[in-house]
N, C-alpha and C. Protein backbone atom coordinates (compact mmCIF):
# COMPACT_ATOMS: atom_id res chain seq x y z
N MET A 1 132.99 11.53 -58.30
CA MET A 1 133.26 10.36 -59.09
C MET A 1 132.72 9.13 -58.36
N LYS A 2 132.03 8.29 -59.09
CA LYS A 2 131.50 7.07 -58.49
C LYS A 2 132.62 6.07 -58.25
N GLU A 3 132.46 5.34 -57.18
CA GLU A 3 133.45 4.31 -56.89
C GLU A 3 133.14 3.09 -57.74
N LYS A 4 134.20 2.50 -58.31
CA LYS A 4 134.01 1.31 -59.13
C LYS A 4 133.51 0.16 -58.28
N ALA A 5 132.80 -0.74 -58.92
CA ALA A 5 132.40 -1.97 -58.24
C ALA A 5 133.67 -2.78 -57.95
N LEU A 6 133.65 -3.52 -56.89
CA LEU A 6 134.86 -4.23 -56.47
C LEU A 6 135.33 -5.23 -57.52
N HIS A 7 134.40 -5.91 -58.18
CA HIS A 7 134.82 -6.91 -59.16
C HIS A 7 135.37 -6.28 -60.44
N ASN A 8 135.18 -4.98 -60.62
CA ASN A 8 135.71 -4.28 -61.80
C ASN A 8 137.09 -3.67 -61.56
N LEU A 9 137.58 -3.76 -60.34
CA LEU A 9 138.89 -3.18 -60.03
C LEU A 9 140.01 -4.04 -60.60
N SER A 10 141.09 -3.38 -60.98
CA SER A 10 142.27 -4.12 -61.43
C SER A 10 142.94 -4.77 -60.21
N ASP A 11 143.90 -5.64 -60.46
CA ASP A 11 144.58 -6.33 -59.37
C ASP A 11 145.26 -5.34 -58.43
N GLN A 12 145.97 -4.38 -58.99
CA GLN A 12 146.70 -3.41 -58.17
C GLN A 12 145.72 -2.53 -57.38
N GLU A 13 144.63 -2.12 -58.00
CA GLU A 13 143.63 -1.31 -57.29
C GLU A 13 143.01 -2.10 -56.15
N LEU A 14 142.78 -3.38 -56.38
CA LEU A 14 142.21 -4.23 -55.35
C LEU A 14 143.18 -4.41 -54.18
N LEU A 15 144.46 -4.57 -54.48
CA LEU A 15 145.46 -4.69 -53.42
C LEU A 15 145.57 -3.39 -52.62
N ASP A 16 145.51 -2.25 -53.32
CA ASP A 16 145.55 -0.96 -52.62
C ASP A 16 144.33 -0.78 -51.72
N LYS A 17 143.17 -1.17 -52.23
CA LYS A 17 141.95 -1.06 -51.44
C LYS A 17 142.01 -1.95 -50.21
N ALA A 18 142.56 -3.17 -50.37
CA ALA A 18 142.69 -4.08 -49.23
C ALA A 18 143.62 -3.50 -48.17
N LYS A 19 144.70 -2.86 -48.61
CA LYS A 19 145.64 -2.26 -47.67
C LYS A 19 144.98 -1.11 -46.89
N ALA A 20 144.21 -0.28 -47.61
CA ALA A 20 143.52 0.84 -46.95
C ALA A 20 142.47 0.32 -45.98
N LEU A 21 141.72 -0.70 -46.39
CA LEU A 21 140.68 -1.24 -45.52
C LEU A 21 141.26 -1.92 -44.30
N LYS A 22 142.46 -2.48 -44.43
CA LYS A 22 143.09 -3.14 -43.28
C LYS A 22 143.39 -2.11 -42.19
N SER A 23 143.88 -0.93 -42.58
CA SER A 23 144.15 0.09 -41.57
C SER A 23 142.85 0.60 -40.96
N TYR A 24 141.79 0.74 -41.78
CA TYR A 24 140.49 1.13 -41.23
C TYR A 24 139.98 0.09 -40.24
N THR A 25 140.19 -1.18 -40.55
CA THR A 25 139.72 -2.25 -39.69
C THR A 25 140.42 -2.20 -38.34
N THR A 26 141.72 -1.93 -38.34
CA THR A 26 142.47 -1.83 -37.09
C THR A 26 141.95 -0.68 -36.24
N ILE A 27 141.75 0.45 -36.84
CA ILE A 27 141.24 1.63 -36.11
C ILE A 27 139.83 1.37 -35.63
N ASN A 28 138.98 0.78 -36.48
CA ASN A 28 137.60 0.49 -36.09
C ASN A 28 137.54 -0.48 -34.92
N THR A 29 138.41 -1.47 -34.91
CA THR A 29 138.43 -2.43 -33.81
C THR A 29 138.75 -1.72 -32.50
N PHE A 30 139.71 -0.83 -32.54
CA PHE A 30 140.08 -0.05 -31.35
C PHE A 30 138.91 0.81 -30.88
N LEU A 31 138.26 1.50 -31.80
CA LEU A 31 137.12 2.36 -31.45
C LEU A 31 135.95 1.56 -30.91
N ILE A 32 135.68 0.41 -31.51
CA ILE A 32 134.59 -0.44 -31.04
C ILE A 32 134.88 -0.90 -29.61
N GLY A 33 136.12 -1.24 -29.33
CA GLY A 33 136.48 -1.65 -27.98
C GLY A 33 136.25 -0.55 -26.96
N ILE A 34 136.62 0.67 -27.32
CA ILE A 34 136.39 1.81 -26.41
C ILE A 34 134.90 2.02 -26.19
N MET A 35 134.12 1.95 -27.26
CA MET A 35 132.68 2.19 -27.13
C MET A 35 131.99 1.08 -26.34
N ILE A 36 132.46 -0.16 -26.47
CA ILE A 36 131.90 -1.23 -25.65
C ILE A 36 132.21 -0.97 -24.18
N GLY A 37 133.40 -0.46 -23.91
CA GLY A 37 133.75 -0.09 -22.54
C GLY A 37 132.83 1.00 -21.99
N VAL A 38 132.49 1.98 -22.81
CA VAL A 38 131.59 3.06 -22.39
C VAL A 38 130.20 2.49 -22.10
N VAL A 39 129.73 1.59 -22.95
CA VAL A 39 128.41 0.99 -22.74
C VAL A 39 128.40 0.17 -21.45
N ILE A 40 129.43 -0.64 -21.23
CA ILE A 40 129.49 -1.45 -20.01
C ILE A 40 129.55 -0.55 -18.77
N TYR A 41 130.34 0.51 -18.84
CA TYR A 41 130.42 1.43 -17.71
C TYR A 41 129.06 2.08 -17.44
N SER A 42 128.38 2.51 -18.50
CA SER A 42 127.09 3.18 -18.29
C SER A 42 126.05 2.22 -17.73
N VAL A 43 126.12 0.95 -18.10
CA VAL A 43 125.18 -0.03 -17.53
C VAL A 43 125.46 -0.24 -16.05
N PHE A 44 126.73 -0.37 -15.67
CA PHE A 44 127.07 -0.58 -14.26
C PHE A 44 126.86 0.67 -13.43
N ALA A 45 126.94 1.84 -14.04
CA ALA A 45 126.73 3.08 -13.31
C ALA A 45 125.25 3.48 -13.29
N HIS A 46 124.40 2.63 -13.87
CA HIS A 46 122.95 2.85 -13.91
C HIS A 46 122.59 4.16 -14.60
N THR A 47 123.30 4.48 -15.67
CA THR A 47 123.02 5.69 -16.44
C THR A 47 122.66 5.32 -17.87
N ILE A 48 121.78 4.34 -18.00
CA ILE A 48 121.36 3.90 -19.33
C ILE A 48 120.54 5.03 -19.95
N GLY A 49 120.91 5.41 -21.14
CA GLY A 49 120.22 6.48 -21.84
C GLY A 49 120.97 6.80 -23.11
N LEU A 50 121.10 8.07 -23.39
CA LEU A 50 121.75 8.52 -24.61
C LEU A 50 123.23 8.13 -24.63
N VAL A 51 123.86 8.10 -23.47
CA VAL A 51 125.27 7.72 -23.38
C VAL A 51 125.45 6.27 -23.80
N THR A 52 124.43 5.47 -23.64
CA THR A 52 124.50 4.07 -24.03
C THR A 52 124.10 3.88 -25.48
N LEU A 53 123.13 4.62 -25.95
CA LEU A 53 122.60 4.42 -27.30
C LEU A 53 123.54 4.92 -28.40
N ILE A 54 124.19 6.04 -28.18
CA ILE A 54 125.08 6.59 -29.20
C ILE A 54 126.22 5.63 -29.53
N PRO A 55 126.93 5.08 -28.54
CA PRO A 55 127.99 4.12 -28.89
C PRO A 55 127.45 2.87 -29.58
N LEU A 56 126.25 2.43 -29.22
CA LEU A 56 125.68 1.25 -29.87
C LEU A 56 125.43 1.51 -31.36
N VAL A 57 124.94 2.68 -31.69
CA VAL A 57 124.70 3.03 -33.09
C VAL A 57 126.04 3.13 -33.84
N LEU A 58 127.02 3.75 -33.21
CA LEU A 58 128.33 3.87 -33.85
C LEU A 58 129.01 2.52 -34.04
N ILE A 59 128.83 1.62 -33.08
CA ILE A 59 129.38 0.27 -33.21
C ILE A 59 128.77 -0.41 -34.42
N TYR A 60 127.46 -0.27 -34.59
CA TYR A 60 126.78 -0.87 -35.73
C TYR A 60 127.33 -0.32 -37.05
N LYS A 61 127.51 0.99 -37.12
CA LYS A 61 128.01 1.61 -38.35
C LYS A 61 129.44 1.18 -38.66
N LEU A 62 130.28 1.09 -37.65
CA LEU A 62 131.67 0.68 -37.85
C LEU A 62 131.76 -0.80 -38.21
N ALA A 63 130.93 -1.62 -37.61
CA ALA A 63 130.95 -3.05 -37.91
C ALA A 63 130.43 -3.31 -39.32
N ASP A 64 129.56 -2.46 -39.81
CA ASP A 64 129.03 -2.62 -41.17
C ASP A 64 130.13 -2.47 -42.21
N ARG A 65 131.16 -1.70 -41.90
CA ARG A 65 132.28 -1.49 -42.82
C ARG A 65 133.09 -2.77 -43.02
N SER A 66 133.01 -3.69 -42.07
CA SER A 66 133.79 -4.93 -42.18
C SER A 66 133.28 -5.83 -43.30
N LYS A 67 132.04 -5.65 -43.73
CA LYS A 67 131.50 -6.45 -44.84
C LYS A 67 132.29 -6.18 -46.12
N GLU A 68 132.65 -4.92 -46.35
CA GLU A 68 133.43 -4.57 -47.54
C GLU A 68 134.83 -5.19 -47.45
N TYR A 69 135.41 -5.20 -46.27
CA TYR A 69 136.74 -5.81 -46.09
C TYR A 69 136.70 -7.30 -46.39
N LYS A 70 135.65 -7.98 -45.94
CA LYS A 70 135.51 -9.40 -46.21
C LYS A 70 135.34 -9.67 -47.71
N GLU A 71 134.60 -8.81 -48.39
CA GLU A 71 134.38 -8.97 -49.83
C GLU A 71 135.69 -8.76 -50.61
N VAL A 72 136.47 -7.78 -50.20
CA VAL A 72 137.76 -7.54 -50.86
C VAL A 72 138.68 -8.74 -50.66
N ASN A 73 138.71 -9.27 -49.44
CA ASN A 73 139.55 -10.45 -49.18
C ASN A 73 139.08 -11.65 -49.99
N ARG A 74 137.77 -11.81 -50.14
CA ARG A 74 137.25 -12.91 -50.95
C ARG A 74 137.70 -12.77 -52.40
N LEU A 75 137.66 -11.56 -52.94
CA LEU A 75 138.11 -11.32 -54.31
C LEU A 75 139.61 -11.55 -54.45
N LEU A 76 140.38 -11.16 -53.44
CA LEU A 76 141.83 -11.39 -53.49
C LEU A 76 142.14 -12.89 -53.54
N HIS A 77 141.42 -13.66 -52.74
CA HIS A 77 141.63 -15.11 -52.75
C HIS A 77 141.18 -15.71 -54.07
N ALA A 78 140.09 -15.21 -54.63
CA ALA A 78 139.57 -15.74 -55.89
C ALA A 78 140.56 -15.46 -57.04
N ARG A 79 141.22 -14.31 -56.98
CA ARG A 79 142.19 -13.96 -58.01
C ARG A 79 143.59 -14.47 -57.69
N ARG A 80 143.72 -15.17 -56.58
CA ARG A 80 144.99 -15.75 -56.11
C ARG A 80 146.07 -14.68 -55.92
N LEU A 81 145.66 -13.56 -55.35
CA LEU A 81 146.60 -12.47 -55.08
C LEU A 81 147.06 -12.48 -53.62
N LYS A 82 146.39 -13.23 -52.81
CA LYS A 82 146.74 -13.24 -51.39
C LYS A 82 146.96 -14.65 -50.92
């Protein structure tokens, strides 16, 4: 099933989506912090290579998810639900 466009969601669906994305954001922030620590450690240990590149790619993918969270919050404010 295709996911509805955000602007087509009902108020309750939008609130549910915001709640789910908030928990994802908390987990993603924690994971990004761990991966930044791995990158910093690998730079100081002079082991720049795959151990450094994999966390950087994952950080990019996790940070990209925050765009959807910002869009949901913008819609919530526009509809005066938050």
